[in-house]
């Protein structure tokens, strides 16, 4: 009994370490200047990201099913090592065509491992709770919050390193972004995956995928929490591609831009800690209401007055990211079957991607007219959507 508990805790630590180490991107603060250096404007950057998202949309659910059906561990291993190789290729790209190819390859490798981490974490949390009699929901939220803090600490280190390295060579920063994915792949090799596998009901896997998707969307409690995840997570996603230009326009030297990204990572940690402290006291509807209020206020301030002082309100995006990362996925997982966890998470992230595609295109398009219009577009898109979902959450407690 004690050996099983020890093994579950060991595997949980490995999964959390792998998830944390692959969450950050060394080149994040200089990725927009890199795109600019090969001739892309804001709209083209958005379009390149759409290719990545489309590939993920097409493969996320089928590959989530494959992970549930065969091996979540090996989906993670292949995804991590594949991602590392793609970044090495990306560092050699010189045209928009090369960027599109690499983004499509990133979409494939990301779809392989997307949702696997959360599924394994919930599995080991359930194993631990069987022996300790702790609350599954409470422990899952606690581990999710700690994981978000670990992720942002690693992200903080990578961002601090990324700026100076990018100042030396943009391509070197992108190539070195492969290192943490190689580390993640190695960690994944040591995970023991004894999680419950999805048992097929049909010989044709597409029928099984359709069955899982249909049952997921027919469950109103699960459906509206999936929508909550989509709007909550995507409200801070589309503007990251114009963040560096915003910082530079506000008067921050490009050599120091990585420090602003690092500050945003610190705000993510604060958001996660706030979620642990206050999130458990809130209903699901109020849990989503908090970040949308903060997003609306900060985006309006920045859109009407962008300077060296007000640009720090961008830190609200970090608080929102930390809060939503801690609270929203556990809401979804609570209502999903264990054997279908990766598939349900893939469905959740696919719907988020469907929302991201038009949002990032619009934000990129209007930002080419004026950067601040991208901030206003974020409010116009996400405020009404979030209020609709909040209303539905209140009706489906």
Protein backbone atom coordinates (compact mmCIF):
# COMPACT_ATOMS: atom_id res chain seq x y z
CA UNK A 1 0.00 0.00 0.00
CA UNK A 2 2.75 2.46 0.99
CA UNK A 3 4.79 1.47 -2.08
CA UNK A 4 1.83 2.25 -4.37
CA UNK A 5 1.41 5.65 -2.73
CA UNK A 6 5.14 6.34 -3.06
CA UNK A 7 5.07 5.34 -6.74
CA UNK A 8 2.05 7.56 -7.45
CA UNK A 9 3.74 10.56 -5.81
CA UNK A 10 6.98 9.89 -7.73
CA UNK A 11 5.11 9.72 -11.05
CA UNK A 12 3.17 12.87 -10.19
CA UNK A 13 6.42 14.73 -9.54
CA UNK A 14 7.83 13.54 -12.89
CA UNK A 15 4.74 14.63 -14.83
CA UNK A 16 4.67 18.01 -13.12
CA UNK A 17 8.40 18.50 -13.78
CA UNK A 18 7.95 17.59 -17.47
CA UNK A 19 4.96 19.89 -17.79
CA UNK A 20 6.74 22.79 -16.13
CA UNK A 21 9.96 22.48 -18.10
CA UNK A 22 8.13 22.41 -21.46
CA UNK A 23 5.78 25.29 -20.63
CA UNK A 24 8.22 28.11 -21.30
CA UNK A 25 9.74 29.36 -24.54
CA UNK A 26 13.20 30.93 -24.46
CA UNK A 27 12.51 32.87 -27.66
CA UNK A 28 9.08 34.21 -26.61
CA UNK A 29 10.17 37.80 -26.05
CA UNK A 30 12.01 38.00 -29.40
CA UNK A 31 9.73 35.89 -31.59
CA UNK A 32 7.94 38.91 -33.08
CA UNK A 33 11.24 40.66 -33.98
CA UNK A 34 12.37 37.36 -35.54
CA UNK A 35 9.23 37.22 -37.67
CA UNK A 36 9.78 40.86 -38.63
CA UNK A 37 13.38 40.06 -39.59
CA UNK A 38 12.20 37.57 -42.21
CA UNK A 39 9.66 40.05 -43.62
CA UNK A 40 6.39 39.37 -41.75
CA UNK A 41 4.03 42.12 -40.56
CA UNK A 42 1.49 41.75 -37.73
CA UNK A 43 -1.25 40.32 -39.95
CA UNK A 44 1.12 37.79 -41.51
CA UNK A 45 2.33 36.74 -38.05
CA UNK A 46 -1.30 36.15 -37.10
CA UNK A 47 -1.85 34.14 -40.29
CA UNK A 48 1.22 31.99 -39.58
CA UNK A 49 -0.18 31.25 -36.12
CA UNK A 50 -3.49 30.30 -37.70
CA UNK A 51 -1.74 27.53 -39.67
CA UNK A 52 -0.43 26.13 -36.40
CA UNK A 53 -3.88 26.30 -34.84
CA UNK A 54 -5.62 24.70 -37.84
CA UNK A 55 -3.25 21.72 -37.74
CA UNK A 56 -3.90 21.35 -34.01
CA UNK A 57 -7.65 21.59 -34.60
CA UNK A 58 -7.50 18.80 -37.17
CA UNK A 59 -5.29 16.49 -35.10
CA UNK A 60 -5.99 17.35 -31.46
CA UNK A 61 -9.05 15.15 -30.98
CA UNK A 62 -7.80 12.13 -33.04
CA UNK A 63 -4.41 12.19 -31.32
CA UNK A 64 -6.08 12.70 -27.94
CA UNK A 65 -8.06 9.53 -28.66
CA UNK A 66 -4.85 7.71 -29.62
CA UNK A 67 -3.25 8.75 -26.30
CA UNK A 68 -6.32 7.61 -24.33
CA UNK A 69 -6.50 4.35 -26.29
CA UNK A 70 -2.82 3.32 -26.33
CA UNK A 71 -0.28 5.32 -24.30
CA UNK A 72 -0.39 8.80 -22.84
CA UNK A 73 3.27 8.51 -21.86
CA UNK A 74 4.54 7.80 -25.39
CA UNK A 75 2.35 10.53 -26.87
CA UNK A 76 4.20 12.90 -24.52
CA UNK A 77 7.64 11.48 -25.31
CA UNK A 78 7.18 11.76 -29.08
CA UNK A 79 5.56 15.19 -28.78
CA UNK A 80 8.39 16.63 -26.65
CA UNK A 81 11.27 15.29 -28.76
CA UNK A 82 9.42 16.26 -31.94
CA UNK A 83 8.91 19.82 -30.69
CA UNK A 84 12.63 20.12 -29.92
CA UNK A 85 13.58 19.05 -33.45
CA UNK A 86 11.11 21.53 -34.97
CA UNK A 87 12.69 24.45 -33.06
CA UNK A 88 16.09 23.49 -34.43
CA UNK A 89 14.59 23.60 -37.93
CA UNK A 90 12.80 26.89 -37.15
CA UNK A 91 16.10 28.57 -36.34
CA UNK A 92 17.07 28.17 -40.02
CA UNK A 93 13.87 29.62 -41.52
CA UNK A 94 14.26 32.65 -43.80
CA UNK A 95 10.84 33.00 -45.47
CA UNK A 96 7.16 32.98 -44.60
CA UNK A 97 6.85 29.59 -46.34
CA UNK A 98 9.44 28.12 -43.98
CA UNK A 99 7.62 29.61 -41.00
CA UNK A 100 4.34 28.07 -42.15
CA UNK A 101 5.95 24.63 -42.54
CA UNK A 102 7.51 24.81 -39.07
CA UNK A 103 4.25 26.01 -37.50
CA UNK A 104 2.42 23.06 -39.09
CA UNK A 105 5.06 20.67 -37.69
CA UNK A 106 4.69 22.37 -34.29
CA UNK A 107 0.94 21.80 -34.56
CA UNK A 108 1.49 18.06 -35.05
CA UNK A 109 3.90 17.66 -32.14
CA UNK A 110 1.80 19.86 -29.86
CA UNK A 111 -1.34 17.86 -30.66
CA UNK A 112 0.48 14.66 -29.69
CA UNK A 113 1.13 15.77 -26.13
CA UNK A 114 -1.70 18.27 -25.63
CA UNK A 115 -3.91 17.23 -22.73
CA UNK A 116 -1.74 14.27 -21.76
CA UNK A 117 -0.11 16.05 -18.83
CA UNK A 118 -3.41 17.09 -17.25
CA UNK A 119 -4.79 13.57 -17.66
CA UNK A 120 -1.79 11.92 -16.00
CA UNK A 121 -1.80 14.49 -13.19
CA UNK A 122 -5.45 13.76 -12.44
CA UNK A 123 -4.76 10.01 -12.57
CA UNK A 124 -1.94 10.19 -10.01
CA UNK A 125 -3.93 12.61 -7.85
CA UNK A 126 -6.78 10.07 -7.80
CA UNK A 127 -4.32 7.29 -6.87
CA UNK A 128 -2.92 9.36 -4.01
CA UNK A 129 -6.39 10.22 -2.73
CA UNK A 130 -7.39 6.55 -2.69
CA UNK A 131 -4.66 5.96 -0.10
CA UNK A 132 -4.82 9.23 1.84
CA UNK A 133 -8.60 9.83 1.70
CA UNK A 134 -8.01 13.43 0.63
CA UNK A 135 -10.51 15.28 -1.57
CA UNK A 136 -9.73 14.67 -5.26
CA UNK A 137 -11.04 18.09 -6.28
CA UNK A 138 -9.09 19.96 -3.61
CA UNK A 139 -5.81 18.13 -4.28
CA UNK A 140 -6.15 18.49 -8.08
CA UNK A 141 -6.68 22.24 -7.80
CA UNK A 142 -3.78 22.52 -5.34
CA UNK A 143 -1.42 20.59 -7.65
CA UNK A 144 -2.64 22.56 -10.67
CA UNK A 145 -1.89 25.81 -8.86
CA UNK A 146 1.57 24.63 -7.78
CA UNK A 147 2.26 23.48 -11.33
CA UNK A 148 1.33 26.88 -12.72
CA UNK A 149 3.75 28.51 -10.28
CA UNK A 150 6.54 26.09 -11.29
CA UNK A 151 5.77 26.73 -14.96
CA UNK A 152 6.01 30.47 -14.54
CA UNK A 153 9.25 30.27 -12.54
CA UNK A 154 10.85 28.32 -15.39
CA UNK A 155 9.22 30.67 -17.90
CA UNK A 156 10.65 33.61 -15.93
CA UNK A 157 14.18 32.19 -16.15
CA UNK A 158 13.81 31.48 -19.88
CA UNK A 159 12.47 34.97 -20.58
CA UNK A 160 15.32 36.61 -18.67
CA UNK A 161 17.81 34.55 -20.68
CA UNK A 162 15.95 34.94 -23.98
CA UNK A 163 16.31 38.73 -24.29
CA UNK A 164 20.10 38.93 -24.05
CA UNK A 165 20.55 35.81 -26.20
CA UNK A 166 18.14 37.24 -28.77
CA UNK A 167 20.08 40.51 -28.77
CA UNK A 168 23.14 38.47 -29.79
CA UNK A 169 21.26 36.34 -32.33
CA UNK A 170 17.54 35.87 -32.88
CA UNK A 171 18.20 32.50 -34.52
CA UNK A 172 20.33 31.29 -31.62
CA UNK A 173 17.49 32.05 -29.18
CA UNK A 174 15.08 29.99 -31.28
CA UNK A 175 17.52 27.08 -31.59
CA UNK A 176 18.13 27.03 -27.82
CA UNK A 177 14.35 26.89 -27.29
CA UNK A 178 14.71 23.21 -28.17
CA UNK A 179 16.70 22.42 -25.01
CA UNK A 180 13.84 22.35 -22.50
CA UNK A 181 11.78 20.13 -24.82
CA UNK A 182 14.64 17.63 -24.98
CA UNK A 183 14.71 17.68 -21.17
CA UNK A 184 10.93 17.16 -21.08
CA UNK A 185 11.20 14.18 -23.41
CA UNK A 186 13.85 12.58 -21.19
CA UNK A 187 11.71 13.10 -18.07
CA UNK A 188 8.71 11.55 -19.85
CA UNK A 189 10.69 8.36 -20.50
CA UNK A 190 10.81 7.67 -16.75
CA UNK A 191 7.06 8.07 -16.14
CA UNK A 192 5.15 4.88 -15.40
CA UNK A 193 1.80 5.18 -17.17
CA UNK A 194 -0.71 2.88 -15.46
CA UNK A 195 -3.68 5.15 -16.13
CA UNK A 196 -7.03 3.74 -17.27
CA UNK A 197 -7.17 3.29 -21.04
CA UNK A 198 -10.14 4.06 -23.23
CA UNK A 199 -11.90 0.87 -24.32
CA UNK A 200 -13.23 1.08 -27.90
CA UNK A 201 -16.87 0.33 -28.62
CA UNK A 202 -16.44 0.25 -32.41
CA UNK A 203 -13.88 -1.23 -34.79
CA UNK A 204 -13.75 2.08 -36.61
CA UNK A 205 -11.87 4.55 -34.34
CA UNK A 206 -13.61 7.52 -35.97
CA UNK A 207 -16.92 6.22 -34.61
CA UNK A 208 -15.42 6.06 -31.13
CA UNK A 209 -14.05 9.58 -31.46
CA UNK A 210 -17.48 10.79 -32.60
CA UNK A 211 -19.12 8.95 -29.68
CA UNK A 212 -16.84 10.64 -27.12
CA UNK A 213 -17.32 14.06 -28.73
CA UNK A 214 -21.10 13.64 -28.85
CA UNK A 215 -21.40 12.50 -25.24
CA UNK A 216 -19.12 15.34 -24.15
CA UNK A 217 -21.14 18.07 -25.85
CA UNK A 218 -24.50 16.59 -24.78
CA UNK A 219 -23.53 16.98 -21.11
CA UNK A 220 -24.52 20.59 -20.30
CA UNK A 221 -22.40 20.85 -17.13
CA UNK A 222 -19.33 19.72 -19.06
CA UNK A 223 -20.20 21.67 -22.22
CA UNK A 224 -20.43 25.07 -20.55
CA UNK A 225 -17.23 24.49 -18.58
CA UNK A 226 -15.50 23.71 -21.85
CA UNK A 227 -16.80 27.01 -23.21
CA UNK A 228 -15.61 28.72 -20.01
CA UNK A 229 -12.12 27.36 -20.57
CA UNK A 230 -12.12 28.49 -24.19
CA UNK A 231 -13.07 32.12 -23.56
CA UNK A 232 -11.10 32.36 -20.32
CA UNK A 233 -7.81 31.15 -21.78
CA UNK A 234 -8.08 32.78 -25.21
CA UNK A 235 -8.82 36.28 -23.91
CA UNK A 236 -5.06 36.70 -23.24
CA UNK A 237 -3.79 34.68 -26.21
CA UNK A 238 -4.36 36.75 -29.33
CA UNK A 239 -2.53 39.83 -28.08
CA UNK A 240 0.76 38.12 -27.21
CA UNK A 241 1.95 38.56 -30.81
CA UNK A 242 1.68 42.34 -30.51
CA UNK A 243 2.99 42.54 -26.92
CA UNK A 244 6.64 43.19 -27.81
CA UNK A 245 5.73 45.97 -30.31
CA UNK A 246 3.47 47.48 -27.61
CA UNK A 247 6.31 47.48 -25.09
CA UNK A 248 8.68 49.09 -27.59
CA UNK A 249 6.09 51.73 -28.53
CA UNK A 250 5.65 52.52 -24.83
CA UNK A 251 9.35 53.41 -24.65
CA UNK A 252 10.96 50.21 -23.40
CA UNK A 253 14.27 49.43 -25.18
CA UNK A 254 14.29 46.11 -27.03
CA UNK A 255 17.20 44.98 -24.85
CA UNK A 256 14.90 45.21 -21.80
CA UNK A 257 11.74 43.81 -23.35
CA UNK A 258 12.48 40.35 -21.94
CA UNK A 259 12.32 41.87 -18.45
CA UNK A 260 8.75 43.02 -19.12
CA UNK A 261 7.91 39.49 -20.21
CA UNK A 262 9.56 38.28 -17.01
CA UNK A 263 7.39 40.69 -15.03
CA UNK A 264 4.36 39.20 -16.74
CA UNK A 265 5.52 35.74 -15.64
CA UNK A 266 5.72 37.01 -12.04
CA UNK A 267 2.15 38.24 -12.41
CA UNK A 268 1.17 34.74 -13.58
CA UNK A 269 2.54 33.37 -10.32
CA UNK A 270 0.54 35.99 -8.43
CA UNK A 271 -2.59 35.01 -10.38
CA UNK A 272 -2.10 31.34 -9.49
CA UNK A 273 -1.63 32.15 -5.82
CA UNK A 274 -4.73 34.34 -5.82
CA UNK A 275 -6.67 31.47 -7.39
CA UNK A 276 -5.59 29.13 -4.60
CA UNK A 277 -6.44 31.72 -1.95
CA UNK A 278 -9.80 32.91 -3.27
CA UNK A 279 -10.85 30.63 -6.15
CA UNK A 280 -12.14 27.82 -3.91
CA UNK A 281 -14.65 30.24 -2.37
CA UNK A 282 -16.15 31.25 -5.71
CA UNK A 283 -18.75 29.59 -7.89
CA UNK A 284 -17.69 28.58 -11.40
CA UNK A 285 -19.48 31.62 -12.82
CA UNK A 286 -17.70 34.04 -10.49
CA UNK A 287 -14.40 32.26 -11.15
CA UNK A 288 -14.74 33.29 -14.81
CA UNK A 289 -16.15 36.74 -14.03
CA UNK A 290 -13.02 37.84 -12.12
CA UNK A 291 -10.57 37.62 -15.05
CA UNK A 292 -12.93 39.19 -17.59
CA UNK A 293 -13.36 42.27 -15.37
CA UNK A 294 -9.59 42.58 -15.06
CA UNK A 295 -9.06 42.04 -18.80
CA UNK A 296 -11.62 44.68 -19.76
CA UNK A 297 -10.25 47.31 -17.37
CA UNK A 298 -6.57 46.83 -18.30
CA UNK A 299 -7.15 46.63 -22.07
CA UNK A 300 -9.23 49.83 -22.05
CA UNK A 301 -6.59 51.70 -20.05
CA UNK A 302 -3.81 50.59 -22.41
CA UNK A 303 -5.81 51.24 -25.56
CA UNK A 304 -6.53 54.86 -24.63
CA UNK A 305 -3.21 55.74 -22.96
CA UNK A 306 -0.12 53.73 -23.84
CA UNK A 307 3.14 55.00 -22.30
CA UNK A 308 6.01 53.90 -20.08
CA UNK A 309 3.77 54.10 -16.98
CA UNK A 310 0.54 52.53 -18.21
CA UNK A 311 2.27 49.68 -20.10
CA UNK A 312 2.73 47.92 -16.75
CA UNK A 313 -1.02 47.33 -16.70
CA UNK A 314 -0.15 44.57 -19.18
CA UNK A 315 0.77 42.63 -16.05
CA UNK A 316 -2.97 42.07 -15.61
CA UNK A 317 -2.70 39.61 -18.49
CA UNK A 318 -0.26 37.60 -16.38
CA UNK A 319 -2.62 37.58 -13.40
CA UNK A 320 -5.42 36.39 -15.68
CA UNK A 321 -3.23 33.64 -17.18
CA UNK A 322 -2.24 32.38 -13.74
CA UNK A 323 -5.82 32.48 -12.48
CA UNK A 324 -7.39 30.77 -15.48
CA UNK A 325 -4.65 28.12 -15.75
CA UNK A 326 -5.29 27.17 -12.13
CA UNK A 327 -9.07 27.18 -12.12
CA UNK A 328 -10.57 26.40 -15.52
CA UNK A 329 -9.20 23.00 -16.57
CA UNK A 330 -9.99 21.37 -13.17
CA UNK A 331 -13.58 22.55 -13.71
CA UNK A 332 -13.64 20.60 -16.98
CA UNK A 333 -11.86 17.51 -15.62
CA UNK A 334 -14.25 17.24 -12.69
CA UNK A 335 -17.09 16.43 -15.12
CA UNK A 336 -15.17 14.12 -17.51
CA UNK A 337 -14.69 10.33 -17.28
CA UNK A 338 -11.16 9.25 -16.38
CA UNK A 339 -10.82 6.98 -19.42
CA UNK A 340 -11.78 9.89 -21.73
CA UNK A 341 -9.79 12.66 -20.04
CA UNK A 342 -7.29 13.33 -22.83
CA UNK A 343 -10.01 13.22 -25.48
CA UNK A 344 -12.19 15.66 -23.51
CA UNK A 345 -9.22 17.98 -22.92
CA UNK A 346 -8.44 17.78 -26.65
CA UNK A 347 -12.04 18.70 -27.46
CA UNK A 348 -11.78 21.59 -25.00
CA UNK A 349 -8.59 22.92 -26.56
CA UNK A 350 -9.94 22.39 -30.05
CA UNK A 351 -12.90 24.63 -29.27
CA UNK A 352 -10.50 27.15 -27.77
CA UNK A 353 -8.52 27.00 -31.03
CA UNK A 354 -11.66 27.60 -33.07
CA UNK A 355 -12.17 30.76 -31.07
CA UNK A 356 -8.50 31.77 -31.32
CA UNK A 357 -8.34 31.66 -35.14
CA UNK A 358 -10.78 34.52 -35.88
CA UNK A 359 -9.71 36.40 -32.75
CA UNK A 360 -5.99 36.45 -33.58
CA UNK A 361 -6.71 37.29 -37.24
CA UNK A 362 -8.87 40.28 -36.26
CA UNK A 363 -6.38 41.44 -33.62
CA UNK A 364 -3.48 41.14 -36.05
CA UNK A 365 -5.41 42.94 -38.81
CA UNK A 366 -6.46 45.94 -36.74
CA UNK A 367 -3.04 46.14 -35.04
CA UNK A 368 -1.46 46.87 -38.42
CA UNK A 369 -3.63 50.00 -38.52
CA UNK A 370 -2.77 50.95 -34.93
CA UNK A 371 -1.37 48.73 -32.18
CA UNK A 372 -3.88 49.93 -29.58
CA UNK A 373 -6.77 48.78 -31.77
CA UNK A 374 -5.67 45.20 -31.05
CA UNK A 375 -6.36 45.81 -27.36
CA UNK A 376 -9.81 47.24 -28.08
CA UNK A 377 -10.57 44.29 -30.36
CA UNK A 378 -9.75 41.92 -27.49
CA UNK A 379 -12.42 43.57 -25.35
CA UNK A 380 -14.99 43.68 -28.16
CA UNK A 381 -14.52 39.97 -28.90
CA UNK A 382 -14.25 38.46 -25.44
CA UNK A 383 -16.38 40.58 -23.12
CA UNK A 384 -19.76 39.62 -24.65
CA UNK A 385 -18.73 35.96 -25.15
CA UNK A 386 -17.64 35.63 -21.54
CA UNK A 387 -20.81 37.22 -20.18
CA UNK A 388 -22.90 34.72 -22.18
CA UNK A 389 -20.92 31.77 -20.78
CA UNK A 390 -21.18 33.13 -17.23
CA UNK A 391 -24.96 33.26 -17.62
CA UNK A 392 -24.98 29.60 -18.77
CA UNK A 393 -22.74 28.55 -15.87
CA UNK A 394 -25.20 30.06 -13.43
CA UNK A 395 -27.97 28.00 -15.00
CA UNK A 396 -25.93 24.74 -14.90
CA UNK A 397 -24.41 24.56 -11.43
